[in-house]
Every structure is written in C-alpha cells, then in structure tokens.
Amino acid sequence: MQSLGERIALLRKKQNLSQRQLMEILKFENLSKYEKDQRQPSYEILISIAEFFNVTTDWLLTGKIKEVKGREDNKLHNTLGELTNEEVKLIGLFRQLEDDRERAKVEGMLEMKVYETKESKKGMSSTYPNGEEAATKEKRHA
C-alpha cells in the first residue's frame, strides 16, 4: 500500500512537475520531506495539493476513493474534462502572476488568440456553410 508521500510524488510525476515547480505553484516548502514521509503536511497544504491535482483529501490520506454522487465538483469535471499537462502548467503559471493587471493582459491575449483562430476557421469554411454539405461534396469527388 502506498504512503501519503508516495501518492503525492505519484501525482506530481504524472503531471511532469519537479518538486520545485510544485512548491512554487502551491507556495509551500519541504515537499521532499513530505514525499519521503519524513514530515506530514499541514491540513492547509494537504487541501491545496488535493485541489491542485483534483483528488480528494481522503484519497491522499488513505489511497481509497469514495464515490460521492451528485457533487457540484462533478459538474465542473463534466464540463472541463481531464486537464492536460499543458493546461495544468498554464494554470500554475497564471496563478504565479500576482498583479491583476498582468493577469488581465494574459487573459486578453488568450481571448484575442481564440478570436483570431475562430475567424481564420470561418474564412476556410465559407465555401461550404456546414460540414455535412462539405462531406457530401467530398464523397462525390472521390
């Protein structure tokens, strides 16, 4: 059976994060001692780790998963799905920005990039108003 420290290390490694990166993101120290079970994290740190990796504190402490039906967290998970390593990294970097103006700049840049991507796709798809029509035309030419 895995220990608390082993479970923390497993989660960190699955996200390809170094100990230093995780400590910077969550703003705490002594991660190596937690992972080696030389020291127990405070409940605040335990909660931060659980929230960051989207696991329960029960799982961190015991390794057992409790099925909780109808939780609000499930709505968020169902909407977002699993976060990729890149998404986790971006969230971590975003959290490191302390100035609201800097966060707003990053948000604005991302929104502009999404807008540009959508506009460029519109230009490419203007020949056929919908995907079904385009697929039908493709089949005829094949």
Protein backbone atom coordinates (compact mmCIF):
# COMPACT_ATOMS: atom_id res chain seq x y z
CA MET A 1 0.00 0.00 0.00
CA GLN A 2 1.28 3.46 -0.91
CA SER A 3 2.01 6.08 1.70
CA LEU A 4 0.81 9.68 1.63
CA GLY A 5 4.23 10.79 0.41
CA GLU A 6 4.25 8.22 -2.38
CA ARG A 7 0.81 9.35 -3.55
CA ILE A 8 1.93 13.00 -3.61
CA ALA A 9 5.04 12.05 -5.60
CA LEU A 10 2.95 9.96 -8.00
CA LEU A 11 0.57 12.86 -8.71
CA ARG A 12 3.44 15.30 -9.20
CA LYS A 13 5.30 12.99 -11.57
CA LYS A 14 2.15 12.24 -13.59
CA GLN A 15 1.93 15.98 -14.29
CA ASN A 16 5.65 16.14 -15.19
CA LEU A 17 6.31 18.68 -12.45
CA SER A 18 9.52 18.98 -10.48
CA GLN A 19 9.38 19.34 -6.72
CA ARG A 20 10.49 22.96 -7.10
CA GLN A 21 7.74 23.72 -9.63
CA LEU A 22 5.02 22.28 -7.40
CA MET A 23 6.33 24.17 -4.36
CA GLU A 24 6.34 27.42 -6.36
CA ILE A 25 2.83 26.86 -7.70
CA LEU A 26 1.33 25.96 -4.32
CA LYS A 27 3.62 28.28 -2.33
CA PHE A 28 4.97 25.89 0.31
CA GLU A 29 8.28 24.20 1.21
CA ASN A 30 9.52 20.79 2.38
CA LEU A 31 7.94 18.77 -0.44
CA SER A 32 10.84 16.31 -0.49
CA LYS A 33 10.27 15.59 3.22
CA TYR A 34 6.55 15.05 2.58
CA GLU A 35 7.26 12.71 -0.33
CA LYS A 36 9.78 10.73 1.77
CA ASP A 37 7.26 10.59 4.66
CA GLN A 38 9.76 12.33 6.92
CA ARG A 39 7.22 15.03 7.70
CA GLN A 40 3.42 15.35 7.49
CA PRO A 41 1.92 18.31 5.60
CA SER A 42 -0.47 20.63 7.41
CA TYR A 43 -4.13 20.28 6.56
CA GLU A 44 -3.93 23.54 4.55
CA ILE A 45 -1.15 22.10 2.39
CA LEU A 46 -2.98 18.78 2.09
CA ILE A 47 -6.09 20.58 0.85
CA SER A 48 -4.01 22.66 -1.61
CA ILE A 49 -2.41 19.52 -3.03
CA ALA A 50 -5.76 17.74 -3.32
CA GLU A 51 -7.40 20.71 -5.07
CA PHE A 52 -4.47 21.21 -7.44
CA PHE A 53 -4.45 17.57 -8.55
CA ASN A 54 -8.25 17.25 -8.47
CA VAL A 55 -8.27 14.40 -5.95
CA THR A 56 -9.89 14.12 -2.55
CA THR A 57 -8.03 14.50 0.72
CA ASP A 58 -9.44 11.06 1.57
CA TRP A 59 -7.57 9.59 -1.38
CA LEU A 60 -4.36 11.43 -0.47
CA LEU A 61 -4.53 10.16 3.11
CA THR A 62 -5.78 6.61 2.53
CA GLY A 63 -5.48 5.80 -1.15
CA LYS A 64 -9.16 4.88 -1.17
CA ILE A 65 -11.71 6.51 -3.46
CA LYS A 66 -15.13 7.30 -2.09
CA GLU A 67 -17.90 7.61 -4.66
CA VAL A 68 -19.90 10.72 -3.92
CA LYS A 69 -22.94 11.11 -6.15
CA GLY A 70 -24.35 14.46 -7.17
CA ARG A 71 -21.41 16.60 -6.08
CA GLU A 72 -21.03 20.05 -7.57
CA ASP A 73 -17.41 19.14 -8.41
CA ASN A 74 -18.72 16.59 -10.90
CA LYS A 75 -20.40 19.38 -12.88
CA LEU A 76 -17.07 21.14 -13.24
CA HIS A 77 -15.31 17.90 -14.16
CA ASN A 78 -18.00 17.01 -16.70
CA THR A 79 -17.73 20.48 -18.24
CA LEU A 80 -13.93 20.67 -18.39
CA GLY A 81 -12.99 17.01 -18.61
CA GLU A 82 -9.46 15.98 -17.69
CA LEU A 83 -6.90 18.76 -17.80
CA THR A 84 -3.86 18.14 -19.98
CA ASN A 85 -0.33 18.68 -18.70
CA GLU A 86 -0.14 21.88 -20.74
CA GLU A 87 -3.37 23.19 -19.18
CA VAL A 88 -2.12 22.40 -15.68
CA LYS A 89 1.15 24.17 -16.46
CA LEU A 90 -0.69 27.24 -17.79
CA ILE A 91 -2.90 27.38 -14.71
CA GLY A 92 0.18 27.14 -12.50
CA LEU A 93 1.92 29.94 -14.38
CA PHE A 94 -1.22 32.08 -14.31
CA ARG A 95 -1.50 31.64 -10.54
CA GLN A 96 2.05 32.91 -10.14
CA LEU A 97 1.04 36.30 -11.57
CA GLU A 98 0.34 38.44 -8.53
CA ASP A 99 -0.73 41.63 -10.28
CA ASP A 100 -4.34 41.75 -11.52
CA ARG A 101 -3.26 43.90 -14.47
CA GLU A 102 -0.78 41.25 -15.58
CA ARG A 103 -3.47 38.58 -15.30
CA ALA A 104 -5.84 40.76 -17.34
CA LYS A 105 -3.17 41.16 -20.05
CA VAL A 106 -2.66 37.40 -20.30
CA GLU A 107 -6.42 36.84 -20.38
CA GLY A 108 -6.78 39.43 -23.14
CA MET A 109 -4.01 37.84 -25.19
CA LEU A 110 -5.65 34.42 -24.91
CA GLU A 111 -9.08 35.79 -25.83
CA MET A 112 -7.58 37.54 -28.87
CA LYS A 113 -5.83 34.34 -29.97
CA VAL A 114 -9.08 32.35 -29.64
CA TYR A 115 -10.93 35.02 -31.64
CA GLU A 116 -8.27 35.01 -34.38
CA THR A 117 -8.40 31.21 -34.58
CA LYS A 118 -12.19 31.22 -34.91
CA GLU A 119 -12.06 33.93 -37.58
CA SER A 120 -9.45 32.08 -39.62
CA LYS A 121 -11.59 28.91 -39.46
CA LYS A 122 -14.63 30.90 -40.62
CA GLY A 123 -12.69 32.06 -43.66
CA MET A 124 -11.72 28.49 -44.51
CA SER A 125 -15.24 27.13 -44.12
CA SER A 126 -17.08 29.87 -46.00
CA THR A 127 -17.10 27.75 -49.18
CA TYR A 128 -19.48 25.27 -47.56
CA PRO A 129 -21.90 26.61 -44.94
CA ASN A 130 -21.94 23.36 -42.98
CA GLY A 131 -19.83 20.27 -42.51
CA GLU A 132 -22.48 17.94 -43.91
CA GLU A 133 -22.54 19.75 -47.26
CA ALA A 134 -18.74 19.71 -47.44
CA ALA A 135 -18.63 15.98 -46.66
CA THR A 136 -21.26 15.26 -49.35
CA LYS A 137 -19.26 17.20 -51.95
CA GLU A 138 -16.09 15.33 -50.91
CA LYS A 139 -17.78 11.94 -51.42
CA ARG A 140 -18.94 12.89 -54.92
CA HIS A 141 -15.43 13.87 -55.98
CA ALA A 142 -13.83 10.75 -54.52
